[in-house]
Every structure is written in C-alpha cells, then in structure tokens.
Amino acid sequence: MTSEPAFQPVKSADRALAVLEALASAPHRRSLSELSRELDIPVSSLHSILRTLQRRMWLETDDTGTRFGIGVQALLVGSTYARTDDVVVRAEAVLDWLSEQTGETVHYGRLEGAHVVYLAKRDSPHQLRIHSAVGRRIPAHATALGKAVLAEYSDEQVRRQLTWPLPALTARTRSDAEGLLGDLAEARRLGYATESEESDIGLGCVAVAVPEQQPARDAISLSVPTARLGPERLAELASLLLTARASLRRGIADPSGTEGFSGGAG
C-alpha cells in the first residue's frame, strides 16, 4: 500500500488567507509594500489578491486607495461562527443571567492554540468598564478565561499547548512556567480561575470552564475594574459563575432552575 502524498495547499488561496490574517492582527491599515515584505509575496501577485478581496468586500481601503484593512464581509462571515455554534447558543441565556445578576462585563471565550478568542460578550452598564470586542484574541496565559480552560489539562499538556517563553502583557503577567502552573493548580482546587491586571492594567477577571467538551475548550468570565474587585466581591462573582456552570451542566437555561433548554436535560 502506498502512502498518501503530502498535502499541498492551493497557493492562491493560501496567500489570500495569509493576507486576511495579517490584516486582522494589525492595529492599523497596511500598504501593499508592507504586506509584501511581511508575507514574502511578490508585489504583482499581491496586488491582484488585494483587489480581488476588495471587490468581494473582504477588504477596504483608505481614501487614498493605498492602505488596506479588513472589510465588512469578514465581519459578516466571522459573526456566523458564534451565531451557529451550538455550544455558544446554549450559553446565551446564562450569559444574560450573569449580566443581570452582576452588572459586570461577561465574556465567552474559546481556547485556540495559545490564545483565547472572545465569541460572545455582554457589556456592563457601568461607566467604568472594560472595552472589548467579539473576535479579540488574547494570550491564554494572561487571562482568567484561558487559565480556566488550561486548568482542565495536565501540566504536561499545558506545556505543549503554549508557546514558550510566554509574552508579558503587563508587569503582572505570569510569564514563567512555575507561576502559571501554580495558578492553574489553584484554579483546579477552587473550581475557578482568576487574574488581576495580567492582560490590562486596572482590570481583574474571574472565570470558569464550560462543561460542554472534553477536553474543555470554552470558558465564561466576569471582567471587573480592580477598583470594584475586593475579596468579598470576587467571592460573590465566583459563586455566581459556579452556579452558571452547574446550570449549563444540567442543561438549564435559567440558573434559577425554572427554565430548561429545548431538548436538554431537566
């Protein structure tokens, strides 16, 4: 029996996706020459790719037509991911409940490689709150969301999952293995994970893993300015998150126990 030949990606498709990923990760629009250097794609080939993506509304340009950024079609397609994901859809009512109970920002995130991606959120009504967006990617080790999921893995699996050395987003980020693994051990003991000013100065978070997949991939967090996050408030939020997780495990949409998911367990 002969072995299957090694997979070779379609070059043009691979390049188009590389362009989209590069623009999605950039904080500002990029020029043709910048993208050509970064992606090692000849200018002539890249120009055709950019214009094709622009024509299909995957890209937009500035007023000069020389700097490119992500277009509205990327948003439309990207939003479909969370909207059609059964796990996220089942969690929507629980996110609403947490938002109503706490008045704090609620995030639903998924572990993708060494990062966590926000798939859903509920904004806090407070003037002092975190400003974030669905689709944002953050290093998993610097977030309570990421720690809650990573705590479901063994230390050896965590070492393989992350990219070392770990980047420090702030002076308080756990960037060493010993510190991070210590946090994960504490999360396993408590049933929830926390972080304080590891991803953003002035912000603390508490999170629990979502009991939908094995191994775990998703988590729900409450993000709170540190000015409002004393020990008593942290314990209160953690208790509500544990209630929310138990609700999801039982298939109950309303954590008060009065409403079940359609077709779910009672």
C-alpha atoms as a PDB file:
ATOM      1  CA  MET A   1       0.000   0.000   0.000  1.00  0.00           C
ATOM      2  CA  THR A   2       1.367   3.398  -0.979  1.00  0.00           C
ATOM      3  CA  SER A   3       1.204   6.281   1.464  1.00  0.00           C
ATOM      4  CA  GLU A   4      -0.900   9.361   0.782  1.00  0.00           C
ATOM      5  CA  PRO A   5       1.075  12.197  -0.833  1.00  0.00           C
ATOM      6  CA  ALA A   6       1.847  15.155   1.408  1.00  0.00           C
ATOM      7  CA  PHE A   7      -0.860  17.799   1.275  1.00  0.00           C
ATOM      8  CA  GLN A   8      -0.012  20.859  -0.788  1.00  0.00           C
ATOM      9  CA  PRO A   9      -2.232  23.898  -0.187  1.00  0.00           C
ATOM     10  CA  VAL A  10      -3.637  25.841  -3.124  1.00  0.00           C
ATOM     11  CA  LYS A  11      -1.126  28.653  -3.426  1.00  0.00           C
ATOM     12  CA  SER A  12      -3.506  31.475  -4.300  1.00  0.00           C
ATOM     13  CA  ALA A  13      -5.996  30.525  -1.584  1.00  0.00           C
ATOM     14  CA  ASP A  14      -3.206  30.150   0.965  1.00  0.00           C
ATOM     15  CA  ARG A  15      -1.889  33.606   0.115  1.00  0.00           C
ATOM     16  CA  ALA A  16      -5.335  35.225   0.264  1.00  0.00           C
ATOM     17  CA  LEU A  17      -5.930  33.780   3.727  1.00  0.00           C
ATOM     18  CA  ALA A  18      -2.474  34.900   4.859  1.00  0.00           C
ATOM     19  CA  VAL A  19      -3.375  38.444   3.779  1.00  0.00           C
ATOM     20  CA  LEU A  20      -6.628  38.376   5.754  1.00  0.00           C
ATOM     21  CA  GLU A  21      -4.888  37.023   8.855  1.00  0.00           C
ATOM     22  CA  ALA A  22      -2.148  39.655   8.628  1.00  0.00           C
ATOM     23  CA  LEU A  23      -4.653  42.490   8.313  1.00  0.00           C
ATOM     24  CA  ALA A  24      -6.864  41.100  11.078  1.00  0.00           C
ATOM     25  CA  SER A  25      -3.925  41.070  13.500  1.00  0.00           C
ATOM     26  CA  ALA A  26      -2.721  44.574  12.614  1.00  0.00           C
ATOM     27  CA  PRO A  27      -3.799  47.613  14.678  1.00  0.00           C
ATOM     28  CA  HIS A  28      -4.000  49.782  11.548  1.00  0.00           C
ATOM     29  CA  ARG A  29      -4.308  49.532   7.773  1.00  0.00           C
ATOM     30  CA  ARG A  30      -1.329  48.238   5.817  1.00  0.00           C
ATOM     31  CA  SER A  31       0.207  49.225   2.490  1.00  0.00           C
ATOM     32  CA  LEU A  32       0.966  46.938  -0.440  1.00  0.00           C
ATOM     33  CA  SER A  33       4.706  47.138   0.194  1.00  0.00           C
ATOM     34  CA  GLU A  34       4.335  46.402   3.924  1.00  0.00           C
ATOM     35  CA  LEU A  35       2.265  43.305   3.254  1.00  0.00           C
ATOM     36  CA  SER A  36       4.608  42.162   0.501  1.00  0.00           C
ATOM     37  CA  ARG A  37       7.609  42.302   2.832  1.00  0.00           C
ATOM     38  CA  GLU A  38       5.820  40.649   5.742  1.00  0.00           C
ATOM     39  CA  LEU A  39       4.248  37.818   3.756  1.00  0.00           C
ATOM     40  CA  ASP A  40       7.020  37.386   1.176  1.00  0.00           C
ATOM     41  CA  ILE A  41       4.567  37.651  -1.711  1.00  0.00           C
ATOM     42  CA  PRO A  42       5.663  39.438  -4.916  1.00  0.00           C
ATOM     43  CA  VAL A  43       4.032  42.845  -5.307  1.00  0.00           C
ATOM     44  CA  SER A  44       2.441  41.947  -8.643  1.00  0.00           C
ATOM     45  CA  SER A  45       0.776  38.814  -7.241  1.00  0.00           C
ATOM     46  CA  LEU A  46      -0.226  40.546  -4.024  1.00  0.00           C
ATOM     47  CA  HIS A  47      -1.829  43.447  -5.892  1.00  0.00           C
ATOM     48  CA  SER A  48      -4.187  41.041  -7.679  1.00  0.00           C
ATOM     49  CA  ILE A  49      -5.066  39.283  -4.420  1.00  0.00           C
ATOM     50  CA  LEU A  50      -5.821  42.574  -2.666  1.00  0.00           C
ATOM     51  CA  ARG A  51      -8.022  43.878  -5.465  1.00  0.00           C
ATOM     52  CA  THR A  52      -9.926  40.582  -5.639  1.00  0.00           C
ATOM     53  CA  LEU A  53     -10.568  40.632  -1.890  1.00  0.00           C
ATOM     54  CA  GLN A  54     -11.564  44.286  -2.087  1.00  0.00           C
ATOM     55  CA  ARG A  55     -14.011  43.553  -4.905  1.00  0.00           C
ATOM     56  CA  ARG A  56     -15.649  40.855  -2.743  1.00  0.00           C
ATOM     57  CA  MET A  57     -15.755  43.299   0.224  1.00  0.00           C
ATOM     58  CA  TRP A  58     -13.319  41.298   2.351  1.00  0.00           C
ATOM     59  CA  LEU A  59     -11.021  44.330   2.330  1.00  0.00           C
ATOM     60  CA  GLU A  60     -11.450  48.091   2.394  1.00  0.00           C
ATOM     61  CA  THR A  61      -9.012  50.897   1.602  1.00  0.00           C
ATOM     62  CA  ASP A  62      -8.437  54.369   2.971  1.00  0.00           C
ATOM     63  CA  ASP A  63      -9.272  57.495   0.961  1.00  0.00           C
ATOM     64  CA  THR A  64      -6.022  57.216  -0.993  1.00  0.00           C
ATOM     65  CA  GLY A  65      -6.740  53.635  -2.021  1.00  0.00           C
ATOM     66  CA  THR A  66      -3.247  52.578  -0.957  1.00  0.00           C
ATOM     67  CA  ARG A  67      -3.739  51.216   2.562  1.00  0.00           C
ATOM     68  CA  PHE A  68      -5.802  48.107   3.198  1.00  0.00           C
ATOM     69  CA  GLY A  69      -7.868  46.876   6.142  1.00  0.00           C
ATOM     70  CA  ILE A  70     -10.459  44.219   6.907  1.00  0.00           C
ATOM     71  CA  GLY A  71     -13.829  44.753   5.188  1.00  0.00           C
ATOM     72  CA  VAL A  72     -17.442  44.208   6.163  1.00  0.00           C
ATOM     73  CA  GLN A  73     -17.657  40.750   4.562  1.00  0.00           C
ATOM     74  CA  ALA A  74     -15.131  39.452   7.087  1.00  0.00           C
ATOM     75  CA  LEU A  75     -17.423  40.636   9.885  1.00  0.00           C
ATOM     76  CA  LEU A  76     -20.488  39.001   8.329  1.00  0.00           C
ATOM     77  CA  VAL A  77     -18.764  35.650   7.873  1.00  0.00           C
ATOM     78  CA  GLY A  78     -16.976  35.803  11.214  1.00  0.00           C
ATOM     79  CA  SER A  79     -20.145  36.542  13.166  1.00  0.00           C
ATOM     80  CA  THR A  80     -21.733  33.416  11.696  1.00  0.00           C
ATOM     81  CA  TYR A  81     -19.236  31.267  13.595  1.00  0.00           C
ATOM     82  CA  ALA A  82     -20.592  32.149  17.033  1.00  0.00           C
ATOM     83  CA  ARG A  83     -24.187  32.517  15.838  1.00  0.00           C
ATOM     84  CA  THR A  84     -24.298  28.926  14.554  1.00  0.00           C
ATOM     85  CA  ASP A  85     -22.148  27.283  17.240  1.00  0.00           C
ATOM     86  CA  ASP A  86     -24.462  25.096  19.338  1.00  0.00           C
ATOM     87  CA  VAL A  87     -22.343  25.401  22.485  1.00  0.00           C
ATOM     88  CA  VAL A  88     -22.326  29.205  22.351  1.00  0.00           C
ATOM     89  CA  VAL A  89     -26.032  29.367  21.529  1.00  0.00           C
ATOM     90  CA  ARG A  90     -26.878  27.196  24.552  1.00  0.00           C
ATOM     91  CA  ALA A  91     -24.868  29.531  26.786  1.00  0.00           C
ATOM     92  CA  GLU A  92     -26.577  32.754  25.641  1.00  0.00           C
ATOM     93  CA  ALA A  93     -29.283  32.730  28.332  1.00  0.00           C
ATOM     94  CA  VAL A  94     -26.697  32.039  31.033  1.00  0.00           C
ATOM     95  CA  LEU A  95     -24.624  34.997  29.817  1.00  0.00           C
ATOM     96  CA  ASP A  96     -27.727  37.176  30.069  1.00  0.00           C
ATOM     97  CA  TRP A  97     -28.368  35.932  33.611  1.00  0.00           C
ATOM     98  CA  LEU A  98     -24.800  36.652  34.711  1.00  0.00           C
ATOM     99  CA  SER A  99     -25.020  40.139  33.226  1.00  0.00           C
ATOM    100  CA  GLU A 100     -28.282  40.859  35.058  1.00  0.00           C
ATOM    101  CA  GLN A 101     -27.039  39.433  38.357  1.00  0.00           C
ATOM    102  CA  THR A 102     -23.659  41.183  38.401  1.00  0.00           C
ATOM    103  CA  GLY A 103     -23.835  44.316  36.249  1.00  0.00           C
ATOM    104  CA  GLU A 104     -20.331  43.435  35.055  1.00  0.00           C
ATOM    105  CA  THR A 105     -18.896  42.601  31.636  1.00  0.00           C
ATOM    106  CA  VAL A 106     -19.404  38.947  30.692  1.00  0.00           C
ATOM    107  CA  HIS A 107     -17.178  37.191  28.146  1.00  0.00           C
ATOM    108  CA  TYR A 108     -17.488  33.784  26.493  1.00  0.00           C
ATOM    109  CA  GLY A 109     -14.135  32.668  25.113  1.00  0.00           C
ATOM    110  CA  ARG A 110     -12.609  29.690  23.310  1.00  0.00           C
ATOM    111  CA  LEU A 111      -9.066  28.371  23.511  1.00  0.00           C
ATOM    112  CA  GLU A 112      -7.445  28.370  20.066  1.00  0.00           C
ATOM    113  CA  GLY A 113      -3.807  27.329  20.247  1.00  0.00           C
ATOM    114  CA  ALA A 114      -2.037  29.578  22.730  1.00  0.00           C
ATOM    115  CA  HIS A 115      -4.770  32.244  22.632  1.00  0.00           C
ATOM    116  CA  VAL A 116      -8.325  32.806  23.795  1.00  0.00           C
ATOM    117  CA  VAL A 117     -10.835  34.286  21.340  1.00  0.00           C
ATOM    118  CA  TYR A 118     -13.935  36.180  22.508  1.00  0.00           C
ATOM    119  CA  LEU A 119     -17.012  34.590  20.908  1.00  0.00           C
ATOM    120  CA  ALA A 120     -19.725  36.456  22.837  1.00  0.00           C
ATOM    121  CA  LYS A 121     -19.986  39.213  25.423  1.00  0.00           C
ATOM    122  CA  ARG A 122     -22.402  41.249  27.485  1.00  0.00           C
ATOM    123  CA  ASP A 123     -21.409  44.821  28.310  1.00  0.00           C
ATOM    124  CA  SER A 124     -21.514  46.293  31.790  1.00  0.00           C
ATOM    125  CA  PRO A 125     -23.817  49.307  32.261  1.00  0.00           C
ATOM    126  CA  HIS A 126     -21.180  50.977  34.455  1.00  0.00           C
ATOM    127  CA  GLN A 127     -19.279  53.923  33.026  1.00  0.00           C
ATOM    128  CA  LEU A 128     -16.059  52.388  34.368  1.00  0.00           C
ATOM    129  CA  ARG A 129     -15.812  49.081  32.478  1.00  0.00           C
ATOM    130  CA  ILE A 130     -13.653  47.097  30.089  1.00  0.00           C
ATOM    131  CA  HIS A 131     -13.846  47.954  26.387  1.00  0.00           C
ATOM    132  CA  SER A 132     -13.506  44.780  24.340  1.00  0.00           C
ATOM    133  CA  ALA A 133     -14.898  43.207  21.189  1.00  0.00           C
ATOM    134  CA  VAL A 134     -16.028  39.817  19.961  1.00  0.00           C
ATOM    135  CA  GLY A 135     -13.203  38.329  17.909  1.00  0.00           C
ATOM    136  CA  ARG A 136     -10.414  39.740  20.063  1.00  0.00           C
ATOM    137  CA  ARG A 137      -7.533  37.296  20.613  1.00  0.00           C
ATOM    138  CA  ILE A 138      -5.525  37.396  23.850  1.00  0.00           C
ATOM    139  CA  PRO A 139      -2.707  35.132  25.063  1.00  0.00           C
ATOM    140  CA  ALA A 140      -4.428  32.453  27.139  1.00  0.00           C
ATOM    141  CA  HIS A 141      -1.926  32.532  29.997  1.00  0.00           C
ATOM    142  CA  ALA A 142      -2.732  36.203  30.714  1.00  0.00           C
ATOM    143  CA  THR A 143      -6.498  35.750  31.090  1.00  0.00           C
ATOM    144  CA  ALA A 144      -8.819  34.100  33.586  1.00  0.00           C
ATOM    145  CA  LEU A 145     -10.667  32.605  30.602  1.00  0.00           C
ATOM    146  CA  GLY A 146      -7.508  30.918  29.393  1.00  0.00           C
ATOM    147  CA  LYS A 147      -6.473  29.759  32.849  1.00  0.00           C
ATOM    148  CA  ALA A 148      -9.912  28.253  33.497  1.00  0.00           C
ATOM    149  CA  VAL A 149      -9.588  26.115  30.363  1.00  0.00           C
ATOM    150  CA  LEU A 150      -5.900  25.290  30.836  1.00  0.00           C
ATOM    151  CA  ALA A 151      -6.644  24.124  34.387  1.00  0.00           C
ATOM    152  CA  GLU A 152      -8.646  21.294  32.807  1.00  0.00           C
ATOM    153  CA  TYR A 153      -5.418  19.956  31.261  1.00  0.00           C
ATOM    154  CA  SER A 154      -2.412  18.292  32.867  1.00  0.00           C
ATOM    155  CA  ASP A 155       0.725  20.364  33.415  1.00  0.00           C
ATOM    156  CA  GLU A 156       2.446  18.455  30.613  1.00  0.00           C
ATOM    157  CA  GLN A 157      -0.419  19.202  28.214  1.00  0.00           C
ATOM    158  CA  VAL A 158      -0.232  22.883  29.180  1.00  0.00           C
ATOM    159  CA  ARG A 159       3.488  22.947  28.426  1.00  0.00           C
ATOM    160  CA  ARG A 160       2.768  21.547  24.962  1.00  0.00           C
ATOM    161  CA  GLN A 161      -0.221  23.827  24.325  1.00  0.00           C
ATOM    162  CA  LEU A 162       1.516  27.157  24.955  1.00  0.00           C
ATOM    163  CA  THR A 163       4.369  28.888  23.163  1.00  0.00           C
ATOM    164  CA  TRP A 164       7.359  29.478  25.415  1.00  0.00           C
ATOM    165  CA  PRO A 165       8.641  31.856  26.632  1.00  0.00           C
ATOM    166  CA  LEU A 166       5.287  33.406  27.444  1.00  0.00           C
ATOM    167  CA  PRO A 167       4.832  37.064  26.450  1.00  0.00           C
ATOM    168  CA  ALA A 168       4.202  39.525  29.284  1.00  0.00           C
ATOM    169  CA  LEU A 169       1.333  41.912  28.508  1.00  0.00           C
ATOM    170  CA  THR A 170       1.837  43.845  31.750  1.00  0.00           C
ATOM    171  CA  ALA A 171       4.313  43.780  34.622  1.00  0.00           C
ATOM    172  CA  ARG A 172       1.935  41.414  36.434  1.00  0.00           C
ATOM    173  CA  THR A 173       1.529  38.787  33.700  1.00  0.00           C
ATOM    174  CA  ARG A 174       2.524  35.258  34.705  1.00  0.00           C
ATOM    175  CA  SER A 175       5.207  34.648  32.078  1.00  0.00           C
ATOM    176  CA  ASP A 176       7.118  31.827  33.806  1.00  0.00           C
ATOM    177  CA  ALA A 177       6.044  28.182  33.898  1.00  0.00           C
ATOM    178  CA  GLU A 178       6.248  27.885  37.675  1.00  0.00           C
ATOM    179  CA  GLY A 179       3.979  30.879  38.281  1.00  0.00           C
ATOM    180  CA  LEU A 180       1.410  29.882  35.668  1.00  0.00           C
ATOM    181  CA  LEU A 181       1.259  26.238  36.725  1.00  0.00           C
ATOM    182  CA  GLY A 182       0.817  27.401  40.315  1.00  0.00           C
ATOM    183  CA  ASP A 183      -2.176  29.499  39.245  1.00  0.00           C
ATOM    184  CA  LEU A 184      -3.646  26.506  37.405  1.00  0.00           C
ATOM    185  CA  ALA A 185      -3.252  24.287  40.457  1.00  0.00           C
ATOM    186  CA  GLU A 186      -5.135  26.886  42.497  1.00  0.00           C
ATOM    187  CA  ALA A 187      -7.859  27.064  39.830  1.00  0.00           C
ATOM    188  CA  ARG A 188      -8.302  23.284  39.997  1.00  0.00           C
ATOM    189  CA  ARG A 189      -8.634  23.484  43.779  1.00  0.00           C
ATOM    190  CA  LEU A 190     -11.173  26.329  43.740  1.00  0.00           C
ATOM    191  CA  GLY A 191     -13.103  25.381  40.605  1.00  0.00           C
ATOM    192  CA  TYR A 192     -12.497  28.799  39.045  1.00  0.00           C
ATOM    193  CA  ALA A 193      -9.565  30.884  37.772  1.00  0.00           C
ATOM    194  CA  THR A 194      -8.631  34.492  38.457  1.00  0.00           C
ATOM    195  CA  GLU A 195      -6.232  37.116  37.181  1.00  0.00           C
ATOM    196  CA  SER A 196      -5.508  40.669  38.287  1.00  0.00           C
ATOM    197  CA  GLU A 197      -4.030  43.196  35.847  1.00  0.00           C
ATOM    198  CA  GLU A 198      -2.279  40.484  33.814  1.00  0.00           C
ATOM    199  CA  SER A 199      -3.858  41.454  30.488  1.00  0.00           C
ATOM    200  CA  ASP A 200      -4.898  45.055  31.207  1.00  0.00           C
ATOM    201  CA  ILE A 201      -3.851  47.417  33.988  1.00  0.00           C
ATOM    202  CA  GLY A 202      -6.777  48.224  36.283  1.00  0.00           C
ATOM    203  CA  LEU A 203      -8.754  45.116  35.311  1.00  0.00           C
ATOM    204  CA  GLY A 204      -9.380  41.841  37.123  1.00  0.00           C
ATOM    205  CA  CYS A 205     -11.256  38.739  35.979  1.00  0.00           C
ATOM    206  CA  VAL A 206     -12.700  35.511  37.319  1.00  0.00           C
ATOM    207  CA  ALA A 207     -13.710  32.606  35.059  1.00  0.00           C
ATOM    208  CA  VAL A 208     -14.988  29.029  34.930  1.00  0.00           C
ATOM    209  CA  ALA A 209     -14.592  26.403  32.222  1.00  0.00           C
ATOM    210  CA  VAL A 210     -17.737  25.477  30.270  1.00  0.00           C
ATOM    211  CA  PRO A 211     -18.604  21.785  30.814  1.00  0.00           C
ATOM    212  CA  GLU A 212     -19.577  21.047  27.208  1.00  0.00           C
ATOM    213  CA  GLN A 213     -16.496  19.451  25.659  1.00  0.00           C
ATOM    214  CA  GLN A 214     -13.815  17.013  26.720  1.00  0.00           C
ATOM    215  CA  PRO A 215     -11.181  18.242  26.856  1.00  0.00           C
ATOM    216  CA  ALA A 216     -12.514  21.688  27.701  1.00  0.00           C
ATOM    217  CA  ARG A 217     -12.163  24.476  25.139  1.00  0.00           C
ATOM    218  CA  ASP A 218     -14.503  27.224  26.356  1.00  0.00           C
ATOM    219  CA  ALA A 219     -14.897  29.388  29.446  1.00  0.00           C
ATOM    220  CA  ILE A 220     -17.068  32.207  30.787  1.00  0.00           C
ATOM    221  CA  SER A 221     -15.605  35.171  32.659  1.00  0.00           C
ATOM    222  CA  LEU A 222     -16.635  38.282  34.531  1.00  0.00           C
ATOM    223  CA  SER A 223     -14.314  41.251  33.930  1.00  0.00           C
ATOM    224  CA  VAL A 224     -14.292  43.953  36.587  1.00  0.00           C
ATOM    225  CA  PRO A 225     -12.231  47.107  37.223  1.00  0.00           C
ATOM    226  CA  THR A 226      -9.936  46.386  40.168  1.00  0.00           C
ATOM    227  CA  ALA A 227     -11.480  49.368  41.984  1.00  0.00           C
ATOM    228  CA  ARG A 228     -14.664  47.248  42.334  1.00  0.00           C
ATOM    229  CA  LEU A 229     -12.992  43.871  42.856  1.00  0.00           C
ATOM    230  CA  GLY A 230     -12.252  43.360  46.532  1.00  0.00           C
ATOM    231  CA  PRO A 231     -12.096  39.878  48.136  1.00  0.00           C
ATOM    232  CA  GLU A 232     -15.809  39.812  49.007  1.00  0.00           C
ATOM    233  CA  ARG A 233     -16.866  40.856  45.508  1.00  0.00           C
ATOM    234  CA  LEU A 234     -14.519  38.292  43.972  1.00  0.00           C
ATOM    235  CA  ALA A 235     -16.041  35.518  46.086  1.00  0.00           C
ATOM    236  CA  GLU A 236     -19.561  36.660  45.134  1.00  0.00           C
ATOM    237  CA  LEU A 237     -18.767  36.652  41.414  1.00  0.00           C
ATOM    238  CA  ALA A 238     -17.045  33.274  41.629  1.00  0.00           C
ATOM    239  CA  SER A 239     -20.123  31.805  43.320  1.00  0.00           C
ATOM    240  CA  LEU A 240     -22.380  33.095  40.543  1.00  0.00           C
ATOM    241  CA  LEU A 241     -20.077  31.668  37.876  1.00  0.00           C
ATOM    242  CA  LEU A 242     -20.084  28.269  39.586  1.00  0.00           C
ATOM    243  CA  THR A 243     -23.889  28.411  39.634  1.00  0.00           C
ATOM    244  CA  ALA A 244     -23.876  29.257  35.924  1.00  0.00           C
ATOM    245  CA  ARG A 245     -21.563  26.335  35.169  1.00  0.00           C
ATOM    246  CA  ALA A 246     -23.773  23.946  37.125  1.00  0.00           C
ATOM    247  CA  SER A 247     -26.754  25.236  35.157  1.00  0.00           C
ATOM    248  CA  LEU A 248     -25.015  24.526  31.852  1.00  0.00           C
ATOM    249  CA  ARG A 249     -24.033  21.064  33.039  1.00  0.00           C
ATOM    250  CA  ARG A 250     -27.673  20.275  33.863  1.00  0.00           C
ATOM    251  CA  GLY A 251     -28.921  21.750  30.599  1.00  0.00           C
ATOM    252  CA  ILE A 252     -30.875  24.513  32.339  1.00  0.00           C
ATOM    253  CA  ALA A 253     -31.035  27.874  30.584  1.00  0.00           C
ATOM    254  CA  ASP A 254     -32.063  29.845  33.671  1.00  0.00           C
ATOM    255  CA  PRO A 255     -29.643  29.236  36.580  1.00  0.00           C
ATOM    256  CA  SER A 256     -32.551  29.753  38.983  1.00  0.00           C
ATOM    257  CA  GLY A 257     -33.660  26.359  37.689  1.00  0.00           C
ATOM    258  CA  THR A 258     -37.014  27.380  36.234  1.00  0.00           C
ATOM    259  CA  GLU A 259     -36.339  27.048  32.522  1.00  0.00           C
ATOM    260  CA  GLY A 260     -34.747  24.170  30.647  1.00  0.00           C
ATOM    261  CA  PHE A 261     -33.099  24.080  27.244  1.00  0.00           C
ATOM    262  CA  SER A 262     -35.255  22.787  24.426  1.00  0.00           C
ATOM    263  CA  GLY A 263     -34.434  19.111  24.154  1.00  0.00           C
ATOM    264  CA  GLY A 264     -31.961  19.321  27.034  1.00  0.00           C
ATOM    265  CA  ALA A 265     -31.806  17.570  30.347  1.00  0.00           C
ATOM    266  CA  GLY A 266     -34.249  18.604  33.014  1.00  0.00           C
END
